[in-house]
Amino acid sequence: MPREVLADFPTTHATFLTVCLDTATAESLSEARNHLMARYRAPLVAYAAQSRLATVDEPDELVHGFFAAKVADARYLADWRASGIPLRRWMLNGLVFHARGILRDRARENARSDGAEPENLVSNTPDAEHAFERAWAFALVEAACRAAYATLDIDGRTRAYDCFHRHFFDGVSYAQLAVECGLSESAVAGEVRLAMRRVRAEAESMLRDEIGTADGRAIAAELMRVRELTGWSV
């Protein structure tokens, strides 16, 4: 898990995307697309590579074309905001519809079928679904860590994140961190707990926006899903 932090990384989807949609300038829509690409490009490529979408185009090119054709359009994001559908599902459905459109265009141009029915593109793809969900979960963990680092940096508490990262991702013990940082083990544990609370809060905030609800049980279930997919213990 890299510790580099994106400048001005948005803490939540809803806050950032709502501002972009309400502004609706070419610049703000470009920012929204770049934000979504950072979070969803890898999961969508993972899905395309293990599903029938791979027969439509090279996965990375297919996803790039989807972002260029759909996500740059303010209406696409506005429709998501009104739909109540989880953002990751909206993005995945959008990619599938984009692939179907490519097949329809090819069939019209060639006046024949290309041998792959658009409606069958997503059938029997449990491995692809799992690859998508797992890549999405890792992207969420990374985003939560980056956002937590940014808030700790503002507070002048980056050492807390460094201790957290070294402990959870590098497997360094509290005793070793205490030696490295010149702190007591209890002080190191306090630093780790501080960063852990920030990271978990950021993850829960992102999940609230992802599924469109503040229901604690739903958020807890989603967080457990992320833990199962990534092995994350926070």
Protein backbone atom coordinates (compact mmCIF):
# COMPACT_ATOMS: atom_id res chain seq x y z
CA MET A 1 0.00 0.00 0.00
CA PRO A 2 1.82 3.16 -1.15
CA ARG A 3 2.00 6.00 1.31
CA GLU A 4 2.10 8.72 -1.34
CA VAL A 5 -0.94 10.94 -1.03
CA LEU A 6 -2.84 12.50 -3.90
CA ALA A 7 -3.05 16.26 -3.62
CA ASP A 8 -6.52 17.39 -2.56
CA PHE A 9 -7.82 13.81 -2.66
CA PRO A 10 -11.61 13.97 -2.22
CA THR A 11 -12.79 12.34 0.99
CA THR A 12 -16.12 11.15 -0.40
CA HIS A 13 -17.71 10.52 -3.77
CA ALA A 14 -20.88 12.43 -3.04
CA THR A 15 -19.27 15.66 -1.93
CA PHE A 16 -16.81 15.75 -4.79
CA LEU A 17 -19.11 14.51 -7.55
CA THR A 18 -22.03 16.66 -6.43
CA VAL A 19 -19.87 19.76 -6.67
CA CYS A 20 -18.67 18.70 -10.13
CA LEU A 21 -22.20 18.00 -11.33
CA ASP A 22 -23.62 21.21 -9.90
CA THR A 23 -20.81 23.22 -11.47
CA ALA A 24 -21.08 21.32 -14.76
CA THR A 25 -18.14 23.03 -16.44
CA ALA A 26 -15.78 21.25 -18.80
CA GLU A 27 -13.11 21.44 -16.11
CA SER A 28 -15.28 20.07 -13.31
CA LEU A 29 -16.55 17.21 -15.46
CA SER A 30 -12.98 16.34 -16.39
CA GLU A 31 -12.10 16.29 -12.69
CA ALA A 32 -15.04 13.99 -11.99
CA ARG A 33 -13.99 11.62 -14.75
CA ASN A 34 -10.39 11.56 -13.51
CA HIS A 35 -11.60 10.87 -9.97
CA LEU A 36 -13.75 7.96 -11.10
CA MET A 37 -10.98 6.59 -13.29
CA ALA A 38 -8.64 6.56 -10.30
CA ARG A 39 -11.14 4.48 -8.32
CA TYR A 40 -12.81 2.34 -10.97
CA ARG A 41 -10.47 1.83 -13.91
CA ALA A 42 -8.65 -1.14 -12.34
CA PRO A 43 -11.83 -2.90 -11.12
CA LEU A 44 -13.51 -2.48 -14.51
CA VAL A 45 -10.44 -3.72 -16.39
CA ALA A 46 -10.32 -6.73 -14.05
CA TYR A 47 -13.96 -7.50 -14.86
CA ALA A 48 -13.52 -7.06 -18.60
CA ALA A 49 -10.43 -9.28 -18.68
CA GLN A 50 -12.28 -12.22 -17.11
CA SER A 51 -15.66 -11.85 -18.78
CA ARG A 52 -17.05 -12.01 -22.30
CA LEU A 53 -16.33 -8.32 -22.64
CA ALA A 54 -12.79 -9.40 -23.55
CA THR A 55 -14.22 -10.56 -26.89
CA VAL A 56 -15.41 -7.05 -27.67
CA ASP A 57 -12.12 -5.18 -27.27
CA GLU A 58 -8.86 -5.23 -25.33
CA PRO A 59 -9.98 -4.66 -21.71
CA ASP A 60 -7.98 -1.52 -21.05
CA GLU A 61 -9.10 0.03 -24.35
CA LEU A 62 -12.71 -0.92 -23.69
CA VAL A 63 -12.67 0.75 -20.26
CA HIS A 64 -10.88 3.81 -21.62
CA GLY A 65 -13.53 4.13 -24.33
CA PHE A 66 -16.30 3.81 -21.76
CA PHE A 67 -14.89 6.65 -19.68
CA ALA A 68 -14.42 8.82 -22.74
CA ALA A 69 -17.90 8.15 -24.12
CA LYS A 70 -20.05 8.04 -20.99
CA VAL A 71 -18.41 9.30 -17.83
CA ALA A 72 -17.46 12.62 -19.42
CA ASP A 73 -21.16 13.28 -19.99
CA ALA A 74 -22.81 15.21 -17.15
CA ARG A 75 -26.09 13.38 -17.81
CA TYR A 76 -24.49 10.01 -17.06
CA LEU A 77 -23.38 11.11 -13.61
CA ALA A 78 -26.63 12.97 -12.96
CA ASP A 79 -28.57 9.81 -13.79
CA TRP A 80 -26.44 7.88 -11.29
CA ARG A 81 -27.15 10.45 -8.58
CA ALA A 82 -30.91 10.08 -9.19
CA SER A 83 -30.86 6.28 -9.49
CA GLY A 84 -30.05 5.21 -5.94
CA ILE A 85 -27.91 2.42 -7.38
CA PRO A 86 -24.54 1.75 -5.71
CA LEU A 87 -21.85 3.56 -7.64
CA ARG A 88 -19.75 0.48 -8.39
CA ARG A 89 -22.80 -1.31 -9.84
CA TRP A 90 -23.69 1.76 -11.90
CA MET A 91 -20.18 1.84 -13.33
CA LEU A 92 -20.15 -1.89 -14.08
CA ASN A 93 -23.56 -1.77 -15.74
CA GLY A 94 -22.40 1.22 -17.74
CA LEU A 95 -19.39 -0.67 -19.06
CA VAL A 96 -21.58 -3.59 -20.12
CA PHE A 97 -24.04 -1.29 -21.91
CA HIS A 98 -21.10 0.43 -23.60
CA ALA A 99 -19.83 -2.94 -24.86
CA ARG A 100 -23.30 -3.85 -26.14
CA GLY A 101 -23.39 -0.59 -28.04
CA ILE A 102 -20.08 -1.43 -29.70
CA LEU A 103 -21.46 -4.80 -30.79
CA ARG A 104 -24.62 -3.21 -32.17
CA ASP A 105 -22.59 -0.68 -34.12
CA ARG A 106 -20.41 -3.43 -35.57
CA ALA A 107 -23.44 -5.50 -36.53
CA ARG A 108 -24.98 -2.53 -38.34
CA GLU A 109 -21.74 -1.74 -40.14
CA ASN A 110 -21.23 -5.33 -41.26
CA ALA A 111 -24.94 -6.08 -41.77
CA ARG A 112 -24.47 -9.32 -39.86
CA SER A 113 -24.04 -10.64 -36.33
CA ASP A 114 -20.55 -10.70 -34.85
CA GLY A 115 -21.29 -14.02 -33.15
CA ALA A 116 -21.74 -12.64 -29.63
CA GLU A 117 -25.19 -11.65 -28.52
CA PRO A 118 -25.02 -8.44 -26.44
CA GLU A 119 -27.49 -9.74 -23.88
CA ASN A 120 -25.18 -12.68 -23.11
CA LEU A 121 -22.13 -10.58 -22.32
CA VAL A 122 -22.52 -10.78 -18.56
CA SER A 123 -23.92 -14.28 -18.16
CA ASN A 124 -22.02 -16.89 -16.15
CA THR A 125 -19.18 -14.61 -15.09
CA PRO A 126 -18.73 -15.27 -11.33
CA ASP A 127 -14.94 -15.05 -11.63
CA ALA A 128 -15.22 -11.69 -13.36
CA GLU A 129 -17.64 -10.43 -10.71
CA HIS A 130 -15.25 -11.51 -7.97
CA ALA A 131 -12.29 -9.89 -9.73
CA PHE A 132 -14.25 -6.65 -10.01
CA GLU A 133 -15.37 -6.68 -6.38
CA ARG A 134 -11.87 -7.50 -5.12
CA ALA A 135 -10.21 -4.77 -7.18
CA TRP A 136 -12.89 -2.32 -6.05
CA ALA A 137 -12.29 -3.26 -2.40
CA PHE A 138 -8.54 -2.74 -2.69
CA ALA A 139 -9.11 0.60 -4.38
CA LEU A 140 -11.40 1.67 -1.54
CA VAL A 141 -8.83 0.67 1.10
CA GLU A 142 -6.13 2.61 -0.69
CA ALA A 143 -8.38 5.65 -1.06
CA ALA A 144 -9.35 5.52 2.63
CA CYS A 145 -5.69 5.34 3.63
CA ARG A 146 -4.78 8.26 1.42
CA ALA A 147 -7.63 10.36 2.69
CA ALA A 148 -6.76 9.54 6.31
CA TYR A 149 -3.14 10.45 5.70
CA ALA A 150 -4.25 13.78 4.27
CA THR A 151 -6.30 14.64 7.37
CA LEU A 152 -3.48 13.56 9.68
CA ASP A 153 -1.05 15.64 7.66
CA ILE A 154 -3.23 18.70 8.19
CA ASP A 155 -3.17 17.99 11.93
CA GLY A 156 0.59 17.48 11.94
CA ARG A 157 0.14 13.82 12.92
CA THR A 158 1.67 11.95 9.99
CA ARG A 159 3.76 9.88 12.40
CA ALA A 160 0.52 8.22 13.47
CA TYR A 161 -0.14 7.13 9.90
CA ASP A 162 3.44 5.96 9.44
CA CYS A 163 3.13 3.77 12.55
CA PHE A 164 -0.23 2.46 11.37
CA HIS A 165 1.08 1.65 7.90
CA ARG A 166 4.23 -0.01 9.17
CA HIS A 167 2.24 -2.13 11.62
CA PHE A 168 -0.69 -3.23 9.45
CA PHE A 169 0.88 -3.38 6.00
CA ASP A 170 4.55 -4.09 6.74
CA GLY A 171 3.98 -6.30 9.78
CA VAL A 172 6.31 -4.34 12.09
CA SER A 173 5.69 -4.96 15.78
CA TYR A 174 4.89 -2.26 18.31
CA ALA A 175 8.20 -3.04 20.04
CA GLN A 176 10.20 -2.42 16.87
CA LEU A 177 8.26 0.74 16.07
CA ALA A 178 8.91 1.99 19.59
CA VAL A 179 12.65 1.62 18.99
CA GLU A 180 12.48 3.27 15.57
CA CYS A 181 10.36 6.20 16.75
CA GLY A 182 11.87 6.67 20.18
CA LEU A 183 8.48 6.13 21.84
CA SER A 184 7.06 3.76 24.40
CA GLU A 185 5.06 0.83 23.10
CA SER A 186 1.90 2.30 24.62
CA ALA A 187 2.55 5.57 22.78
CA VAL A 188 3.02 3.67 19.51
CA ALA A 189 -0.25 1.83 20.15
CA GLY A 190 -1.98 5.19 20.65
CA GLU A 191 -0.59 6.49 17.37
CA VAL A 192 -1.75 3.40 15.53
CA ARG A 193 -5.24 3.62 17.06
CA LEU A 194 -5.54 7.26 16.02
CA ALA A 195 -4.67 6.51 12.40
CA MET A 196 -6.82 3.38 12.40
CA ARG A 197 -9.86 5.38 13.52
CA ARG A 198 -9.24 7.92 10.77
CA VAL A 199 -8.86 5.24 8.10
CA ARG A 200 -11.97 3.38 9.21
CA ALA A 201 -13.97 6.62 9.32
CA GLU A 202 -12.87 7.46 5.78
CA ALA A 203 -13.76 3.97 4.56
CA GLU A 204 -17.19 4.14 6.20
CA SER A 205 -17.79 7.58 4.69
CA MET A 206 -16.93 6.29 1.22
CA LEU A 207 -19.19 3.29 1.72
CA ARG A 208 -22.09 5.54 2.75
CA ASP A 209 -21.75 7.34 -0.56
CA GLU A 210 -21.18 4.09 -2.44
CA ILE A 211 -24.44 2.47 -1.32
CA GLY A 212 -26.45 5.63 -0.74
CA THR A 213 -27.42 5.01 2.87
CA ALA A 214 -26.26 5.95 6.36
CA ASP A 215 -27.71 2.78 7.89
CA GLY A 216 -25.10 1.48 10.32
CA ARG A 217 -25.81 -2.19 9.70
CA ALA A 218 -25.56 -1.79 5.94
CA ILE A 219 -22.27 0.07 6.28
CA ALA A 220 -20.92 -2.58 8.67
CA ALA A 221 -21.87 -5.32 6.21
CA GLU A 222 -20.12 -3.52 3.37
CA LEU A 223 -17.03 -2.97 5.51
CA MET A 224 -16.99 -6.67 6.37
CA ARG A 225 -17.20 -7.43 2.67
CA VAL A 226 -14.17 -5.22 2.04
CA ARG A 227 -12.28 -7.03 4.81
CA GLU A 228 -13.15 -10.44 3.37
CA LEU A 229 -12.04 -9.43 -0.11
CA THR A 230 -8.76 -7.80 0.94
CA GLY A 231 -7.76 -9.43 4.22
CA TRP A 232 -7.79 -5.95 5.74
CA SER A 233 -8.00 -6.11 9.53
CA VAL A 234 -8.86 -2.47 10.27
